[in-house]
Amino acid sequence: MDEIKAAVSQINILNAGKKRDEAFQIISKWLPDAEKFTAQVKTVDDYIRRLEQGNKAYEQRLENENDNLKNKISDKDNSLLKYKSEVYHLQEAIRQQKRLLDKIPAEVMEQIKKSKNKGRDR
């Protein structure tokens, strides 16, 4: 590369033809290597582009999976809240029934128990 720069920088009005030919010969020697390098750069650039596309596809897939998992968590949270609400209502119903049973006089409860036991004995 320095050789090309030197040859081109030495061109002036007095030696333009000769120095131009020298610069052309130097560039001609260098050109196949430059073309090979350009082809390698293109190959690497294509590979990088494919990797980037793969990364984008992978990121999109991860984002979709993440969204799906968030939705599942949200659904589970909603189910949990629903079940907690059901448990609360059932516990409240049990408390109310217990309060109601506590209001029944002990003698009446004994009679009910005896009548149940008689029914079982038959």
N, C-alpha and C. Protein backbone atom coordinates (compact mmCIF):
# COMPACT_ATOMS: atom_id res chain seq x y z
N MET A 1 0.84 -1.19 0.00
CA MET A 1 0.00 0.00 0.00
C MET A 1 0.88 1.25 0.00
N ASP A 2 1.92 1.22 0.81
CA ASP A 2 2.85 2.37 0.85
C ASP A 2 3.52 2.57 -0.50
N GLU A 3 3.78 1.45 -1.18
CA GLU A 3 4.42 1.52 -2.50
C GLU A 3 3.51 2.25 -3.49
N ILE A 4 2.22 1.97 -3.40
CA ILE A 4 1.25 2.64 -4.29
C ILE A 4 1.19 4.12 -3.98
N LYS A 5 1.12 4.46 -2.68
CA LYS A 5 1.08 5.87 -2.29
C LYS A 5 2.31 6.61 -2.78
N ALA A 6 3.47 5.98 -2.65
CA ALA A 6 4.73 6.62 -3.07
C ALA A 6 4.72 6.84 -4.57
N ALA A 7 4.29 5.81 -5.33
CA ALA A 7 4.28 5.93 -6.80
C ALA A 7 3.32 7.02 -7.24
N VAL A 8 2.16 7.11 -6.63
CA VAL A 8 1.15 8.11 -7.02
C VAL A 8 1.62 9.51 -6.61
N SER A 9 2.23 9.63 -5.45
CA SER A 9 2.66 10.95 -4.98
C SER A 9 3.83 11.50 -5.79
N GLN A 10 4.56 10.62 -6.48
CA GLN A 10 5.71 11.08 -7.29
C GLN A 10 5.29 11.52 -8.68
N ILE A 11 4.04 11.36 -9.02
CA ILE A 11 3.57 11.78 -10.35
C ILE A 11 3.46 13.30 -10.37
N ASN A 12 4.06 13.89 -11.39
CA ASN A 12 3.93 15.34 -11.61
C ASN A 12 3.83 15.60 -13.11
N ILE A 13 3.79 16.81 -13.51
CA ILE A 13 3.59 17.17 -14.91
C ILE A 13 4.74 16.65 -15.78
N LEU A 14 5.94 16.67 -15.29
CA LEU A 14 7.11 16.28 -16.08
C LEU A 14 7.22 14.77 -16.28
N ASN A 15 6.79 13.97 -15.32
CA ASN A 15 6.96 12.51 -15.44
C ASN A 15 5.62 11.76 -15.39
N ALA A 16 4.55 12.40 -15.73
CA ALA A 16 3.21 11.84 -15.58
C ALA A 16 3.05 10.51 -16.30
N GLY A 17 3.50 10.40 -17.50
CA GLY A 17 3.33 9.17 -18.28
C GLY A 17 4.07 8.00 -17.66
N LYS A 18 5.36 8.21 -17.39
CA LYS A 18 6.20 7.13 -16.86
C LYS A 18 5.73 6.72 -15.45
N LYS A 19 5.53 7.67 -14.58
CA LYS A 19 5.13 7.36 -13.19
C LYS A 19 3.71 6.77 -13.15
N ARG A 20 2.88 7.24 -14.08
CA ARG A 20 1.53 6.68 -14.14
C ARG A 20 1.60 5.21 -14.49
N ASP A 21 2.45 4.84 -15.45
CA ASP A 21 2.62 3.44 -15.83
C ASP A 21 3.19 2.62 -14.66
N GLU A 22 4.12 3.18 -13.92
CA GLU A 22 4.69 2.49 -12.77
C GLU A 22 3.59 2.27 -11.70
N ALA A 23 2.81 3.30 -11.45
CA ALA A 23 1.73 3.19 -10.47
C ALA A 23 0.72 2.15 -10.93
N PHE A 24 0.43 2.12 -12.24
CA PHE A 24 -0.51 1.15 -12.80
C PHE A 24 0.01 -0.28 -12.60
N GLN A 25 1.31 -0.50 -12.84
CA GLN A 25 1.90 -1.83 -12.66
C GLN A 25 1.82 -2.27 -11.19
N ILE A 26 2.11 -1.35 -10.30
CA ILE A 26 2.05 -1.67 -8.87
C ILE A 26 0.62 -2.01 -8.47
N ILE A 27 -0.31 -1.20 -8.94
CA ILE A 27 -1.73 -1.44 -8.64
C ILE A 27 -2.17 -2.77 -9.25
N SER A 28 -1.71 -3.09 -10.45
CA SER A 28 -2.06 -4.35 -11.10
C SER A 28 -1.58 -5.54 -10.29
N LYS A 29 -0.41 -5.43 -9.68
CA LYS A 29 0.10 -6.51 -8.82
C LYS A 29 -0.74 -6.64 -7.54
N TRP A 30 -1.17 -5.51 -7.06
CA TRP A 30 -1.90 -5.47 -5.79
C TRP A 30 -3.38 -5.85 -5.97
N LEU A 31 -3.94 -5.64 -7.16
CA LEU A 31 -5.37 -5.82 -7.42
C LEU A 31 -5.89 -7.23 -7.10
N PRO A 32 -5.21 -8.31 -7.52
CA PRO A 32 -5.75 -9.65 -7.19
C PRO A 32 -5.89 -9.86 -5.68
N ASP A 33 -4.90 -9.38 -4.90
CA ASP A 33 -5.00 -9.51 -3.46
C ASP A 33 -6.17 -8.69 -2.92
N ALA A 34 -6.36 -7.51 -3.48
CA ALA A 34 -7.46 -6.65 -3.05
C ALA A 34 -8.80 -7.30 -3.38
N GLU A 35 -8.91 -7.90 -4.56
CA GLU A 35 -10.16 -8.58 -4.94
C GLU A 35 -10.42 -9.78 -4.03
N LYS A 36 -9.35 -10.53 -3.73
CA LYS A 36 -9.48 -11.68 -2.82
C LYS A 36 -9.95 -11.21 -1.44
N PHE A 37 -9.34 -10.11 -0.97
CA PHE A 37 -9.71 -9.55 0.33
C PHE A 37 -11.16 -9.09 0.32
N THR A 38 -11.56 -8.43 -0.76
CA THR A 38 -12.94 -7.95 -0.89
C THR A 38 -13.91 -9.13 -0.86
N ALA A 39 -13.56 -10.23 -1.53
CA ALA A 39 -14.41 -11.42 -1.52
C ALA A 39 -14.51 -12.00 -0.11
N GLN A 40 -13.38 -12.01 0.61
CA GLN A 40 -13.40 -12.52 1.98
C GLN A 40 -14.26 -11.63 2.87
N VAL A 41 -14.12 -10.31 2.69
CA VAL A 41 -14.93 -9.37 3.48
C VAL A 41 -16.41 -9.60 3.20
N LYS A 42 -16.75 -9.81 1.93
CA LYS A 42 -18.15 -10.06 1.57
C LYS A 42 -18.66 -11.34 2.23
N THR A 43 -17.83 -12.39 2.21
CA THR A 43 -18.21 -13.66 2.83
C THR A 43 -18.44 -13.47 4.33
N VAL A 44 -17.53 -12.77 4.98
CA VAL A 44 -17.67 -12.52 6.41
C VAL A 44 -18.90 -11.65 6.68
N ASP A 45 -19.09 -10.64 5.82
CA ASP A 45 -20.25 -9.75 5.98
C ASP A 45 -21.55 -10.53 5.82
N ASP A 46 -21.61 -11.43 4.85
CA ASP A 46 -22.81 -12.27 4.67
C ASP A 46 -23.03 -13.16 5.89
N TYR A 47 -21.95 -13.72 6.41
CA TYR A 47 -22.05 -14.57 7.60
C TYR A 47 -22.57 -13.77 8.79
N ILE A 48 -22.05 -12.57 8.97
CA ILE A 48 -22.49 -11.70 10.07
C ILE A 48 -23.97 -11.36 9.89
N ARG A 49 -24.38 -11.07 8.68
CA ARG A 49 -25.78 -10.76 8.40
C ARG A 49 -26.69 -11.94 8.74
N ARG A 50 -26.25 -13.15 8.37
CA ARG A 50 -27.04 -14.35 8.70
C ARG A 50 -27.12 -14.55 10.22
N LEU A 51 -26.00 -14.32 10.90
CA LEU A 51 -26.01 -14.43 12.36
C LEU A 51 -26.97 -13.41 12.98
N GLU A 52 -26.94 -12.19 12.47
CA GLU A 52 -27.84 -11.15 13.00
C GLU A 52 -29.29 -11.52 12.76
N GLN A 53 -29.59 -12.07 11.59
CA GLN A 53 -30.96 -12.50 11.30
C GLN A 53 -31.36 -13.64 12.24
N GLY A 54 -30.41 -14.57 12.47
CA GLY A 54 -30.68 -15.66 13.40
C GLY A 54 -30.92 -15.14 14.80
N ASN A 55 -30.12 -14.15 15.21
CA ASN A 55 -30.29 -13.55 16.54
C ASN A 55 -31.65 -12.88 16.65
N LYS A 56 -32.04 -12.16 15.60
CA LYS A 56 -33.34 -11.49 15.63
C LYS A 56 -34.46 -12.51 15.74
N ALA A 57 -34.35 -13.61 14.99
CA ALA A 57 -35.38 -14.65 15.05
C ALA A 57 -35.40 -15.28 16.44
N TYR A 58 -34.22 -15.52 17.00
CA TYR A 58 -34.13 -16.11 18.34
C TYR A 58 -34.70 -15.15 19.39
N GLU A 59 -34.36 -13.87 19.26
CA GLU A 59 -34.89 -12.88 20.21
C GLU A 59 -36.41 -12.82 20.11
N GLN A 60 -36.94 -12.88 18.90
CA GLN A 60 -38.40 -12.85 18.71
C GLN A 60 -39.04 -14.08 19.34
N ARG A 61 -38.39 -15.25 19.15
CA ARG A 61 -38.93 -16.47 19.74
C ARG A 61 -38.91 -16.37 21.27
N LEU A 62 -37.81 -15.86 21.82
CA LEU A 62 -37.73 -15.70 23.27
C LEU A 62 -38.78 -14.71 23.78
N GLU A 63 -38.98 -13.64 23.02
CA GLU A 63 -39.98 -12.65 23.41
C GLU A 63 -41.38 -13.27 23.40
N ASN A 64 -41.67 -14.08 22.38
CA ASN A 64 -42.97 -14.76 22.31
C ASN A 64 -43.15 -15.73 23.47
N GLU A 65 -42.08 -16.50 23.75
CA GLU A 65 -42.15 -17.44 24.87
C GLU A 65 -42.34 -16.69 26.19
N ASN A 66 -41.65 -15.57 26.33
CA ASN A 66 -41.77 -14.75 27.53
C ASN A 66 -43.21 -14.24 27.68
N ASP A 67 -43.78 -13.76 26.59
CA ASP A 67 -45.17 -13.29 26.62
C ASP A 67 -46.12 -14.43 27.00
N ASN A 68 -45.88 -15.62 26.42
CA ASN A 68 -46.72 -16.78 26.75
C ASN A 68 -46.63 -17.12 28.23
N LEU A 69 -45.40 -17.10 28.76
CA LEU A 69 -45.22 -17.40 30.17
C LEU A 69 -45.88 -16.35 31.06
N LYS A 70 -45.78 -15.08 30.66
CA LYS A 70 -46.45 -14.02 31.42
C LYS A 70 -47.95 -14.24 31.42
N ASN A 71 -48.50 -14.63 30.27
CA ASN A 71 -49.94 -14.89 30.18
C ASN A 71 -50.33 -16.07 31.07
N LYS A 72 -49.50 -17.12 31.07
CA LYS A 72 -49.80 -18.27 31.91
C LYS A 72 -49.76 -17.88 33.38
N ILE A 73 -48.77 -17.07 33.76
CA ILE A 73 -48.67 -16.61 35.15
C ILE A 73 -49.89 -15.79 35.51
N SER A 74 -50.30 -14.91 34.60
CA SER A 74 -51.47 -14.08 34.84
C SER A 74 -52.71 -14.95 35.01
N ASP A 75 -52.83 -15.97 34.15
CA ASP A 75 -53.97 -16.89 34.27
C ASP A 75 -53.94 -17.63 35.60
N LYS A 76 -52.75 -18.08 35.99
CA LYS A 76 -52.63 -18.79 37.28
C LYS A 76 -52.95 -17.86 38.44
N ASP A 77 -52.48 -16.61 38.35
CA ASP A 77 -52.79 -15.63 39.40
C ASP A 77 -54.30 -15.43 39.50
N ASN A 78 -54.95 -15.31 38.34
CA ASN A 78 -56.41 -15.14 38.34
C ASN A 78 -57.11 -16.36 38.93
N SER A 79 -56.62 -17.55 38.57
CA SER A 79 -57.20 -18.78 39.13
C SER A 79 -57.00 -18.83 40.64
N LEU A 80 -55.80 -18.46 41.07
CA LEU A 80 -55.51 -18.46 42.50
C LEU A 80 -56.45 -17.51 43.24
N LEU A 81 -56.65 -16.32 42.69
CA LEU A 81 -57.56 -15.37 43.31
C LEU A 81 -58.98 -15.92 43.36
N LYS A 82 -59.38 -16.58 42.30
CA LYS A 82 -60.72 -17.18 42.25
C LYS A 82 -60.86 -18.24 43.34
N TYR A 83 -59.84 -19.11 43.45
CA TYR A 83 -59.90 -20.18 44.46
C TYR A 83 -59.85 -19.62 45.86
N LYS A 84 -59.04 -18.59 46.07
CA LYS A 84 -58.98 -17.95 47.39
C LYS A 84 -60.33 -17.36 47.75
N SER A 85 -60.98 -16.76 46.76
CA SER A 85 -62.31 -16.19 46.99
C SER A 85 -63.31 -17.29 47.34
N GLU A 86 -63.25 -18.40 46.62
CA GLU A 86 -64.15 -19.52 46.90
C GLU A 86 -63.90 -20.06 48.32
N VAL A 87 -62.63 -20.21 48.68
CA VAL A 87 -62.29 -20.71 50.02
C VAL A 87 -62.82 -19.75 51.08
N TYR A 88 -62.63 -18.45 50.83
CA TYR A 88 -63.12 -17.44 51.79
C TYR A 88 -64.64 -17.57 51.96
N HIS A 89 -65.36 -17.68 50.85
CA HIS A 89 -66.82 -17.77 50.92
C HIS A 89 -67.26 -19.06 51.63
N LEU A 90 -66.54 -20.16 51.35
CA LEU A 90 -66.88 -21.42 52.03
C LEU A 90 -66.59 -21.32 53.52
N GLN A 91 -65.46 -20.72 53.88
CA GLN A 91 -65.15 -20.55 55.30
C GLN A 91 -66.18 -19.66 55.98
N GLU A 92 -66.60 -18.64 55.29
CA GLU A 92 -67.63 -17.75 55.84
C GLU A 92 -68.94 -18.50 56.02
N ALA A 93 -69.30 -19.34 55.06
CA ALA A 93 -70.52 -20.14 55.18
C ALA A 93 -70.42 -21.09 56.37
N ILE A 94 -69.23 -21.69 56.57
CA ILE A 94 -69.04 -22.58 57.72
C ILE A 94 -69.19 -21.80 59.03
N ARG A 95 -68.61 -20.61 59.10
CA ARG A 95 -68.74 -19.77 60.31
C ARG A 95 -70.21 -19.46 60.60
N GLN A 96 -70.93 -19.10 59.54
CA GLN A 96 -72.35 -18.77 59.73
C GLN A 96 -73.13 -19.99 60.21
N GLN A 97 -72.84 -21.15 59.61
CA GLN A 97 -73.54 -22.36 60.03
C GLN A 97 -73.18 -22.72 61.47
N LYS A 98 -71.91 -22.54 61.84
CA LYS A 98 -71.48 -22.82 63.21
C LYS A 98 -72.21 -21.89 64.18
N ARG A 99 -72.30 -20.59 63.83
CA ARG A 99 -73.01 -19.64 64.68
C ARG A 99 -74.47 -20.05 64.84
N LEU A 100 -75.05 -20.51 63.73
CA LEU A 100 -76.44 -20.96 63.78
C LEU A 100 -76.58 -22.18 64.68
N LEU A 101 -75.64 -23.13 64.56
CA LEU A 101 -75.68 -24.32 65.41
C LEU A 101 -75.47 -23.96 66.88
N ASP A 102 -74.62 -22.98 67.12
CA ASP A 102 -74.37 -22.55 68.50
C ASP A 102 -75.61 -21.94 69.14
N LYS A 103 -76.53 -21.43 68.33
CA LYS A 103 -77.76 -20.83 68.86
C LYS A 103 -78.79 -21.88 69.28
N ILE A 104 -78.62 -23.11 68.78
CA ILE A 104 -79.57 -24.17 69.11
C ILE A 104 -79.28 -24.61 70.55
N PRO A 105 -80.31 -24.65 71.38
CA PRO A 105 -80.12 -25.08 72.77
C PRO A 105 -79.56 -26.51 72.84
N ALA A 106 -78.80 -26.76 73.87
CA ALA A 106 -78.12 -28.05 74.04
C ALA A 106 -79.13 -29.20 74.11
N GLU A 107 -80.30 -28.99 74.77
CA GLU A 107 -81.30 -30.06 74.88
C GLU A 107 -81.83 -30.46 73.51
N VAL A 108 -82.05 -29.45 72.67
CA VAL A 108 -82.57 -29.73 71.33
C VAL A 108 -81.52 -30.50 70.53
N MET A 109 -80.27 -30.13 70.67
CA MET A 109 -79.20 -30.83 69.96
C MET A 109 -79.13 -32.29 70.42
N GLU A 110 -79.31 -32.54 71.70
CA GLU A 110 -79.29 -33.90 72.23
C GLU A 110 -80.44 -34.72 71.63
N GLN A 111 -81.60 -34.11 71.54
CA GLN A 111 -82.76 -34.82 70.97
C GLN A 111 -82.50 -35.16 69.50
N ILE A 112 -81.90 -34.21 68.78
CA ILE A 112 -81.60 -34.45 67.36
C ILE A 112 -80.61 -35.60 67.22
N LYS A 113 -79.57 -35.59 68.07
CA LYS A 113 -78.56 -36.65 68.02
C LYS A 113 -79.19 -38.01 68.35
N LYS A 114 -80.06 -38.04 69.35
CA LYS A 114 -80.72 -39.30 69.74
C LYS A 114 -81.61 -39.81 68.62
N SER A 115 -82.35 -38.90 68.00
CA SER A 115 -83.25 -39.33 66.93
C SER A 115 -82.45 -39.85 65.72
N LYS A 116 -81.29 -39.27 65.48
CA LYS A 116 -80.43 -39.77 64.39
C LYS A 116 -79.91 -41.15 64.72
N ASN A 117 -79.49 -41.34 65.98
CA ASN A 117 -78.95 -42.63 66.39
C ASN A 117 -80.03 -43.71 66.32
N LYS A 118 -81.26 -43.38 66.69
CA LYS A 118 -82.37 -44.34 66.61
C LYS A 118 -82.61 -44.74 65.16
N GLY A 119 -82.49 -43.76 64.28
CA GLY A 119 -82.69 -44.03 62.85
C GLY A 119 -81.62 -44.96 62.29
N ARG A 120 -80.47 -44.87 62.81
CA ARG A 120 -79.35 -45.71 62.37
C ARG A 120 -79.49 -47.14 62.90
N ASP A 121 -80.01 -47.23 64.10
CA ASP A 121 -80.13 -48.54 64.72
C ASP A 121 -81.15 -49.42 64.00
N ARG A 122 -82.08 -48.87 63.36
CA ARG A 122 -83.15 -49.65 62.72
C ARG A 122 -82.64 -50.39 61.58
